[in-house]
Amino acid sequence: YIWYQYHVDVRLWVASLIMSCFYIAIYL
């Protein structure tokens, strides 16, 4: 996510989607 954000790449949102799923499971 950070890499793609730095490079202004739309794939940052895909990485954010994936990251969010993992952290939702962790925090729940």
PDB file of all heavy atoms in Angstrom:
ATOM      1  N   TYR A   1       0.840  -1.208   0.000  1.00  0.00           N
ATOM      2  CA  TYR A   1       0.000   0.000   0.000  1.00  0.00           C
ATOM      3  C   TYR A   1       0.873   1.255   0.000  1.00  0.00           C
ATOM      4  O   TYR A   1       0.665   2.165  -0.793  1.00  0.00           O
ATOM      5  CB  TYR A   1      -0.933  -0.012   1.213  1.00  0.00           C
ATOM      6  CG  TYR A   1      -1.688   1.279   1.401  1.00  0.00           C
ATOM      7  CD1 TYR A   1      -2.848   1.538   0.686  1.00  0.00           C
ATOM      8  CD2 TYR A   1      -1.228   2.253   2.282  1.00  0.00           C
ATOM      9  CE1 TYR A   1      -3.540   2.724   0.838  1.00  0.00           C
ATOM     10  CE2 TYR A   1      -1.914   3.446   2.444  1.00  0.00           C
ATOM     11  CZ  TYR A   1      -3.063   3.670   1.719  1.00  0.00           C
ATOM     12  OH  TYR A   1      -3.735   4.857   1.865  1.00  0.00           O
ATOM     13  N   ILE A   2       1.849   1.293   0.887  1.00  0.00           N
ATOM     14  CA  ILE A   2       2.741   2.455   0.979  1.00  0.00           C
ATOM     15  C   ILE A   2       3.527   2.623  -0.321  1.00  0.00           C
ATOM     16  O   ILE A   2       3.661   3.740  -0.836  1.00  0.00           O
ATOM     17  CB  ILE A   2       3.691   2.319   2.181  1.00  0.00           C
ATOM     18  CG1 ILE A   2       2.899   2.428   3.483  1.00  0.00           C
ATOM     19  CG2 ILE A   2       4.793   3.385   2.138  1.00  0.00           C
ATOM     20  CD1 ILE A   2       3.678   2.011   4.716  1.00  0.00           C
ATOM     21  N   TRP A   3       4.039   1.537  -0.878  1.00  0.00           N
ATOM     22  CA  TRP A   3       4.787   1.588  -2.132  1.00  0.00           C
ATOM     23  C   TRP A   3       3.929   2.179  -3.249  1.00  0.00           C
ATOM     24  O   TRP A   3       4.349   3.089  -3.956  1.00  0.00           O
ATOM     25  CB  TRP A   3       5.272   0.190  -2.500  1.00  0.00           C
ATOM     26  CG  TRP A   3       5.966   0.135  -3.829  1.00  0.00           C
ATOM     27  CD1 TRP A   3       5.401  -0.194  -5.035  1.00  0.00           C
ATOM     28  CD2 TRP A   3       7.326   0.429  -4.091  1.00  0.00           C
ATOM     29  NE1 TRP A   3       6.342  -0.129  -6.030  1.00  0.00           N
ATOM     30  CE2 TRP A   3       7.542   0.255  -5.482  1.00  0.00           C
ATOM     31  CE3 TRP A   3       8.399   0.815  -3.292  1.00  0.00           C
ATOM     32  CZ2 TRP A   3       8.763   0.454  -6.080  1.00  0.00           C
ATOM     33  CZ3 TRP A   3       9.624   1.008  -3.897  1.00  0.00           C
ATOM     34  CH2 TRP A   3       9.801   0.837  -5.267  1.00  0.00           C
ATOM     35  N   TYR A   4       2.723   1.637  -3.394  1.00  0.00           N
ATOM     36  CA  TYR A   4       1.846   2.116  -4.469  1.00  0.00           C
ATOM     37  C   TYR A   4       1.373   3.548  -4.226  1.00  0.00           C
ATOM     38  O   TYR A   4       1.216   4.319  -5.171  1.00  0.00           O
ATOM     39  CB  TYR A   4       0.649   1.194  -4.648  1.00  0.00           C
ATOM     40  CG  TYR A   4       1.002  -0.155  -5.216  1.00  0.00           C
ATOM     41  CD1 TYR A   4       0.488  -1.321  -4.675  1.00  0.00           C
ATOM     42  CD2 TYR A   4       1.849  -0.270  -6.320  1.00  0.00           C
ATOM     43  CE1 TYR A   4       0.803  -2.561  -5.205  1.00  0.00           C
ATOM     44  CE2 TYR A   4       2.178  -1.500  -6.850  1.00  0.00           C
ATOM     45  CZ  TYR A   4       1.648  -2.645  -6.288  1.00  0.00           C
ATOM     46  OH  TYR A   4       1.966  -3.864  -6.818  1.00  0.00           O
ATOM     47  N   GLN A   5       1.172   3.900  -2.973  1.00  0.00           N
ATOM     48  CA  GLN A   5       0.766   5.272  -2.678  1.00  0.00           C
ATOM     49  C   GLN A   5       1.884   6.239  -3.057  1.00  0.00           C
ATOM     50  O   GLN A   5       1.639   7.276  -3.665  1.00  0.00           O
ATOM     51  CB  GLN A   5       0.420   5.428  -1.202  1.00  0.00           C
ATOM     52  CG  GLN A   5      -0.092   6.803  -0.847  1.00  0.00           C
ATOM     53  CD  GLN A   5      -0.416   6.943   0.623  1.00  0.00           C
ATOM     54  OE1 GLN A   5       0.073   6.189   1.447  1.00  0.00           O
ATOM     55  NE2 GLN A   5      -1.230   7.903   0.955  1.00  0.00           N
ATOM     56  N   TYR A   6       3.111   5.893  -2.725  1.00  0.00           N
ATOM     57  CA  TYR A   6       4.253   6.730  -3.054  1.00  0.00           C
ATOM     58  C   TYR A   6       4.369   6.926  -4.557  1.00  0.00           C
ATOM     59  O   TYR A   6       4.737   8.000  -5.035  1.00  0.00           O
ATOM     60  CB  TYR A   6       5.537   6.103  -2.489  1.00  0.00           C
ATOM     61  CG  TYR A   6       6.782   6.883  -2.836  1.00  0.00           C
ATOM     62  CD1 TYR A   6       7.096   8.059  -2.151  1.00  0.00           C
ATOM     63  CD2 TYR A   6       7.632   6.452  -3.847  1.00  0.00           C
ATOM     64  CE1 TYR A   6       8.227   8.782  -2.475  1.00  0.00           C
ATOM     65  CE2 TYR A   6       8.767   7.171  -4.173  1.00  0.00           C
ATOM     66  CZ  TYR A   6       9.064   8.331  -3.487  1.00  0.00           C
ATOM     67  OH  TYR A   6      10.183   9.042  -3.807  1.00  0.00           O
ATOM     68  N   HIS A   7       4.048   5.882  -5.309  1.00  0.00           N
ATOM     69  CA  HIS A   7       4.157   5.945  -6.767  1.00  0.00           C
ATOM     70  C   HIS A   7       2.852   6.354  -7.447  1.00  0.00           C
ATOM     71  O   HIS A   7       2.749   6.274  -8.677  1.00  0.00           O
ATOM     72  CB  HIS A   7       4.642   4.599  -7.315  1.00  0.00           C
ATOM     73  CG  HIS A   7       6.055   4.311  -6.933  1.00  0.00           C
ATOM     74  ND1 HIS A   7       7.135   4.930  -7.528  1.00  0.00           N
ATOM     75  CD2 HIS A   7       6.578   3.513  -5.983  1.00  0.00           C
ATOM     76  CE1 HIS A   7       8.245   4.506  -6.979  1.00  0.00           C
ATOM     77  NE2 HIS A   7       7.947   3.648  -6.029  1.00  0.00           N
ATOM     78  N   VAL A   8       1.884   6.810  -6.671  1.00  0.00           N
ATOM     79  CA  VAL A   8       0.592   7.280  -7.183  1.00  0.00           C
ATOM     80  C   VAL A   8       0.016   6.246  -8.161  1.00  0.00           C
ATOM     81  O   VAL A   8      -0.275   6.534  -9.305  1.00  0.00           O
ATOM     82  CB  VAL A   8       0.698   8.675  -7.840  1.00  0.00           C
ATOM     83  CG1 VAL A   8      -0.693   9.254  -8.080  1.00  0.00           C
ATOM     84  CG2 VAL A   8       1.516   9.633  -6.996  1.00  0.00           C
ATOM     85  N   ASP A   9      -0.126   5.039  -7.660  1.00  0.00           N
ATOM     86  CA  ASP A   9      -0.603   3.910  -8.459  1.00  0.00           C
ATOM     87  C   ASP A   9      -1.941   3.450  -7.885  1.00  0.00           C
ATOM     88  O   ASP A   9      -2.069   3.240  -6.676  1.00  0.00           O
ATOM     89  CB  ASP A   9       0.430   2.782  -8.380  1.00  0.00           C
ATOM     90  CG  ASP A   9       0.150   1.635  -9.317  1.00  0.00           C
ATOM     91  OD1 ASP A   9      -1.032   1.296  -9.540  1.00  0.00           O
ATOM     92  OD2 ASP A   9       1.131   1.049  -9.812  1.00  0.00           O
ATOM     93  N   VAL A  10      -2.925   3.282  -8.748  1.00  0.00           N
ATOM     94  CA  VAL A  10      -4.262   2.900  -8.318  1.00  0.00           C
ATOM     95  C   VAL A  10      -4.258   1.569  -7.560  1.00  0.00           C
ATOM     96  O   VAL A  10      -5.164   1.293  -6.777  1.00  0.00           O
ATOM     97  CB  VAL A  10      -5.239   2.871  -9.520  1.00  0.00           C
ATOM     98  CG1 VAL A  10      -4.939   1.699 -10.429  1.00  0.00           C
ATOM     99  CG2 VAL A  10      -6.689   2.834  -9.053  1.00  0.00           C
ATOM    100  N   ARG A  11      -3.227   0.762  -7.753  1.00  0.00           N
ATOM    101  CA  ARG A  11      -3.143  -0.519  -7.032  1.00  0.00           C
ATOM    102  C   ARG A  11      -3.029  -0.341  -5.528  1.00  0.00           C
ATOM    103  O   ARG A  11      -3.204  -1.289  -4.778  1.00  0.00           O
ATOM    104  CB  ARG A  11      -1.984  -1.352  -7.569  1.00  0.00           C
ATOM    105  CG  ARG A  11      -2.257  -1.888  -8.972  1.00  0.00           C
ATOM    106  CD  ARG A  11      -1.112  -2.679  -9.494  1.00  0.00           C
ATOM    107  NE  ARG A  11      -0.032  -1.756  -9.881  1.00  0.00           N
ATOM    108  CZ  ARG A  11       1.096  -2.114 -10.464  1.00  0.00           C
ATOM    109  NH1 ARG A  11       1.317  -3.390 -10.721  1.00  0.00           N
ATOM    110  NH2 ARG A  11       1.998  -1.235 -10.806  1.00  0.00           N
ATOM    111  N   LEU A  12      -2.777   0.890  -5.069  1.00  0.00           N
ATOM    112  CA  LEU A  12      -2.750   1.123  -3.625  1.00  0.00           C
ATOM    113  C   LEU A  12      -4.085   0.739  -3.005  1.00  0.00           C
ATOM    114  O   LEU A  12      -4.145   0.266  -1.873  1.00  0.00           O
ATOM    115  CB  LEU A  12      -2.389   2.567  -3.285  1.00  0.00           C
ATOM    116  CG  LEU A  12      -3.428   3.670  -3.472  1.00  0.00           C
ATOM    117  CD1 LEU A  12      -4.161   3.967  -2.176  1.00  0.00           C
ATOM    118  CD2 LEU A  12      -2.730   4.924  -3.935  1.00  0.00           C
ATOM    119  N   TRP A  13      -5.175   0.910  -3.754  1.00  0.00           N
ATOM    120  CA  TRP A  13      -6.501   0.586  -3.212  1.00  0.00           C
ATOM    121  C   TRP A  13      -6.717  -0.914  -3.113  1.00  0.00           C
ATOM    122  O   TRP A  13      -7.381  -1.387  -2.198  1.00  0.00           O
ATOM    123  CB  TRP A  13      -7.588   1.259  -4.051  1.00  0.00           C
ATOM    124  CG  TRP A  13      -7.455   2.741  -3.972  1.00  0.00           C
ATOM    125  CD1 TRP A  13      -7.116   3.586  -4.985  1.00  0.00           C
ATOM    126  CD2 TRP A  13      -7.598   3.556  -2.808  1.00  0.00           C
ATOM    127  NE1 TRP A  13      -7.055   4.879  -4.512  1.00  0.00           N
ATOM    128  CE2 TRP A  13      -7.339   4.888  -3.178  1.00  0.00           C
ATOM    129  CE3 TRP A  13      -7.907   3.289  -1.483  1.00  0.00           C
ATOM    130  CZ2 TRP A  13      -7.397   5.951  -2.285  1.00  0.00           C
ATOM    131  CZ3 TRP A  13      -7.966   4.343  -0.580  1.00  0.00           C
ATOM    132  CH2 TRP A  13      -7.708   5.650  -0.990  1.00  0.00           C
ATOM    133  N   VAL A  14      -6.145  -1.664  -4.029  1.00  0.00           N
ATOM    134  CA  VAL A  14      -6.232  -3.131  -3.938  1.00  0.00           C
ATOM    135  C   VAL A  14      -5.459  -3.604  -2.710  1.00  0.00           C
ATOM    136  O   VAL A  14      -5.937  -4.445  -1.950  1.00  0.00           O
ATOM    137  CB  VAL A  14      -5.703  -3.791  -5.232  1.00  0.00           C
ATOM    138  CG1 VAL A  14      -5.697  -5.308  -5.098  1.00  0.00           C
ATOM    139  CG2 VAL A  14      -6.531  -3.356  -6.433  1.00  0.00           C
ATOM    140  N   ALA A  15      -4.264  -3.051  -2.527  1.00  0.00           N
ATOM    141  CA  ALA A  15      -3.472  -3.396  -1.344  1.00  0.00           C
ATOM    142  C   ALA A  15      -4.216  -3.001  -0.067  1.00  0.00           C
ATOM    143  O   ALA A  15      -4.204  -3.735   0.918  1.00  0.00           O
ATOM    144  CB  ALA A  15      -2.103  -2.707  -1.399  1.00  0.00           C
ATOM    145  N   SER A  16      -4.899  -1.854  -0.084  1.00  0.00           N
ATOM    146  CA  SER A  16      -5.677  -1.414   1.069  1.00  0.00           C
ATOM    147  C   SER A  16      -6.837  -2.369   1.354  1.00  0.00           C
ATOM    148  O   SER A  16      -7.133  -2.662   2.511  1.00  0.00           O
ATOM    149  CB  SER A  16      -6.207   0.003   0.842  1.00  0.00           C
ATOM    150  OG  SER A  16      -6.958   0.434   1.952  1.00  0.00           O
ATOM    151  N   LEU A  17      -7.499  -2.832   0.296  1.00  0.00           N
ATOM    152  CA  LEU A  17      -8.578  -3.813   0.459  1.00  0.00           C
ATOM    153  C   LEU A  17      -8.070  -5.071   1.152  1.00  0.00           C
ATOM    154  O   LEU A  17      -8.674  -5.555   2.116  1.00  0.00           O
ATOM    155  CB  LEU A  17      -9.143  -4.213  -0.909  1.00  0.00           C
ATOM    156  CG  LEU A  17     -10.301  -3.439  -1.470  1.00  0.00           C
ATOM    157  CD1 LEU A  17     -10.507  -3.794  -2.936  1.00  0.00           C
ATOM    158  CD2 LEU A  17     -11.551  -3.711  -0.695  1.00  0.00           C
ATOM    159  N   ILE A  18      -6.967  -5.588   0.655  1.00  0.00           N
ATOM    160  CA  ILE A  18      -6.400  -6.820   1.207  1.00  0.00           C
ATOM    161  C   ILE A  18      -5.959  -6.596   2.648  1.00  0.00           C
ATOM    162  O   ILE A  18      -6.265  -7.394   3.548  1.00  0.00           O
ATOM    163  CB  ILE A  18      -5.240  -7.309   0.320  1.00  0.00           C
ATOM    164  CG1 ILE A  18      -5.777  -7.729  -1.052  1.00  0.00           C
ATOM    165  CG2 ILE A  18      -4.481  -8.451   0.986  1.00  0.00           C
ATOM    166  CD1 ILE A  18      -4.708  -7.937  -2.108  1.00  0.00           C
ATOM    167  N   MET A  19      -5.225  -5.508   2.887  1.00  0.00           N
ATOM    168  CA  MET A  19      -4.749  -5.198   4.229  1.00  0.00           C
ATOM    169  C   MET A  19      -5.915  -5.051   5.206  1.00  0.00           C
ATOM    170  O   MET A  19      -5.874  -5.570   6.324  1.00  0.00           O
ATOM    171  CB  MET A  19      -3.917  -3.910   4.202  1.00  0.00           C
ATOM    172  CG  MET A  19      -3.402  -3.482   5.562  1.00  0.00           C
ATOM    173  SD  MET A  19      -2.462  -1.928   5.492  1.00  0.00           S
ATOM    174  CE  MET A  19      -3.728  -0.763   5.024  1.00  0.00           C
ATOM    175  N   SER A  20      -6.963  -4.380   4.773  1.00  0.00           N
ATOM    176  CA  SER A  20      -8.124  -4.162   5.637  1.00  0.00           C
ATOM    177  C   SER A  20      -8.765  -5.474   6.052  1.00  0.00           C
ATOM    178  O   SER A  20      -9.150  -5.642   7.217  1.00  0.00           O
ATOM    179  CB  SER A  20      -9.151  -3.276   4.930  1.00  0.00           C
ATOM    180  OG  SER A  20      -8.614  -2.002   4.697  1.00  0.00           O
ATOM    181  N   CYS A  21      -8.887  -6.394   5.125  1.00  0.00           N
ATOM    182  CA  CYS A  21      -9.478  -7.700   5.452  1.00  0.00           C
ATOM    183  C   CYS A  21      -8.675  -8.413   6.536  1.00  0.00           C
ATOM    184  O   CYS A  21      -9.247  -8.962   7.485  1.00  0.00           O
ATOM    185  CB  CYS A  21      -9.579  -8.576   4.211  1.00  0.00           C
ATOM    186  SG  CYS A  21     -10.795  -8.005   3.011  1.00  0.00           S
ATOM    187  N   PHE A  22      -7.356  -8.401   6.404  1.00  0.00           N
ATOM    188  CA  PHE A  22      -6.520  -9.042   7.419  1.00  0.00           C
ATOM    189  C   PHE A  22      -6.689  -8.371   8.783  1.00  0.00           C
ATOM    190  O   PHE A  22      -6.858  -9.043   9.805  1.00  0.00           O
ATOM    191  CB  PHE A  22      -5.039  -9.026   7.016  1.00  0.00           C
ATOM    192  CG  PHE A  22      -4.691 -10.034   5.966  1.00  0.00           C
ATOM    193  CD1 PHE A  22      -4.237  -9.629   4.725  1.00  0.00           C
ATOM    194  CD2 PHE A  22      -4.825 -11.395   6.211  1.00  0.00           C
ATOM    195  CE1 PHE A  22      -3.914 -10.561   3.749  1.00  0.00           C
ATOM    196  CE2 PHE A  22      -4.510 -12.334   5.243  1.00  0.00           C
ATOM    197  CZ  PHE A  22      -4.049 -11.913   4.009  1.00  0.00           C
ATOM    198  N   TYR A  23      -6.651  -7.032   8.810  1.00  0.00           N
ATOM    199  CA  TYR A  23      -6.719  -6.343  10.093  1.00  0.00           C
ATOM    200  C   TYR A  23      -8.113  -6.369  10.720  1.00  0.00           C
ATOM    201  O   TYR A  23      -8.234  -6.349  11.941  1.00  0.00           O
ATOM    202  CB  TYR A  23      -6.162  -4.920   9.975  1.00  0.00           C
ATOM    203  CG  TYR A  23      -4.654  -4.950   9.964  1.00  0.00           C
ATOM    204  CD1 TYR A  23      -3.942  -4.600   8.836  1.00  0.00           C
ATOM    205  CD2 TYR A  23      -3.942  -5.375  11.079  1.00  0.00           C
ATOM    206  CE1 TYR A  23      -2.562  -4.658   8.814  1.00  0.00           C
ATOM    207  CE2 TYR A  23      -2.566  -5.440  11.078  1.00  0.00           C
ATOM    208  CZ  TYR A  23      -1.874  -5.076   9.939  1.00  0.00           C
ATOM    209  OH  TYR A  23      -0.509  -5.148   9.930  1.00  0.00           O
ATOM    210  N   ILE A  24      -9.144  -6.447   9.921  1.00  0.00           N
ATOM    211  CA  ILE A  24     -10.484  -6.634  10.491  1.00  0.00           C
ATOM    212  C   ILE A  24     -10.522  -7.960  11.244  1.00  0.00           C
ATOM    213  O   ILE A  24     -10.987  -8.026  12.385  1.00  0.00           O
ATOM    214  CB  ILE A  24     -11.575  -6.580   9.393  1.00  0.00           C
ATOM    215  CG1 ILE A  24     -11.747  -5.156   8.881  1.00  0.00           C
ATOM    216  CG2 ILE A  24     -12.911  -7.119   9.927  1.00  0.00           C
ATOM    217  CD1 ILE A  24     -12.599  -5.052   7.619  1.00  0.00           C
ATOM    218  N   ALA A  25     -10.016  -9.012  10.604  1.00  0.00           N
ATOM    219  CA  ALA A  25      -9.992 -10.328  11.255  1.00  0.00           C
ATOM    220  C   ALA A  25      -9.144 -10.300  12.531  1.00  0.00           C
ATOM    221  O   ALA A  25      -9.543 -10.850  13.568  1.00  0.00           O
ATOM    222  CB  ALA A  25      -9.461 -11.380  10.284  1.00  0.00           C
ATOM    223  N   ILE A  26      -7.991  -9.656  12.471  1.00  0.00           N
ATOM    224  CA  ILE A  26      -7.100  -9.582  13.637  1.00  0.00           C
ATOM    225  C   ILE A  26      -7.786  -8.860  14.790  1.00  0.00           C
ATOM    226  O   ILE A  26      -7.834  -9.366  15.921  1.00  0.00           O
ATOM    227  CB  ILE A  26      -5.776  -8.874  13.274  1.00  0.00           C
ATOM    228  CG1 ILE A  26      -4.946  -9.749  12.337  1.00  0.00           C
ATOM    229  CG2 ILE A  26      -4.987  -8.516  14.538  1.00  0.00           C
ATOM    230  CD1 ILE A  26      -3.790  -9.023  11.671  1.00  0.00           C
ATOM    231  N   TYR A  27      -8.316  -7.654  14.520  1.00  0.00           N
ATOM    232  CA  TYR A  27      -8.890  -6.857  15.596  1.00  0.00           C
ATOM    233  C   TYR A  27     -10.177  -7.453  16.143  1.00  0.00           C
ATOM    234  O   TYR A  27     -10.441  -7.365  17.344  1.00  0.00           O
ATOM    235  CB  TYR A  27      -9.089  -5.407  15.149  1.00  0.00           C
ATOM    236  CG  TYR A  27      -7.773  -4.660  15.064  1.00  0.00           C
ATOM    237  CD1 TYR A  27      -7.371  -4.041  13.894  1.00  0.00           C
ATOM    238  CD2 TYR A  27      -6.935  -4.581  16.166  1.00  0.00           C
ATOM    239  CE1 TYR A  27      -6.168  -3.364  13.820  1.00  0.00           C
ATOM    240  CE2 TYR A  27      -5.728  -3.912  16.105  1.00  0.00           C
ATOM    241  CZ  TYR A  27      -5.349  -3.307  14.933  1.00  0.00           C
ATOM    242  OH  TYR A  27      -4.159  -2.643  14.873  1.00  0.00           O
ATOM    243  N   LEU A  28     -10.999  -8.056  15.293  1.00  0.00           N
ATOM    244  CA  LEU A  28     -12.202  -8.721  15.801  1.00  0.00           C
ATOM    245  C   LEU A  28     -11.818  -9.893  16.694  1.00  0.00           C
ATOM    246  O   LEU A  28     -12.415 -10.099  17.747  1.00  0.00           O
ATOM    247  CB  LEU A  28     -13.089  -9.208  14.649  1.00  0.00           C
ATOM    248  CG  LEU A  28     -13.900  -8.149  13.924  1.00  0.00           C
ATOM    249  CD1 LEU A  28     -14.656  -8.779  12.752  1.00  0.00           C
ATOM    250  CD2 LEU A  28     -14.857  -7.433  14.865  1.00  0.00           C
TER     251      LEU A  28
END
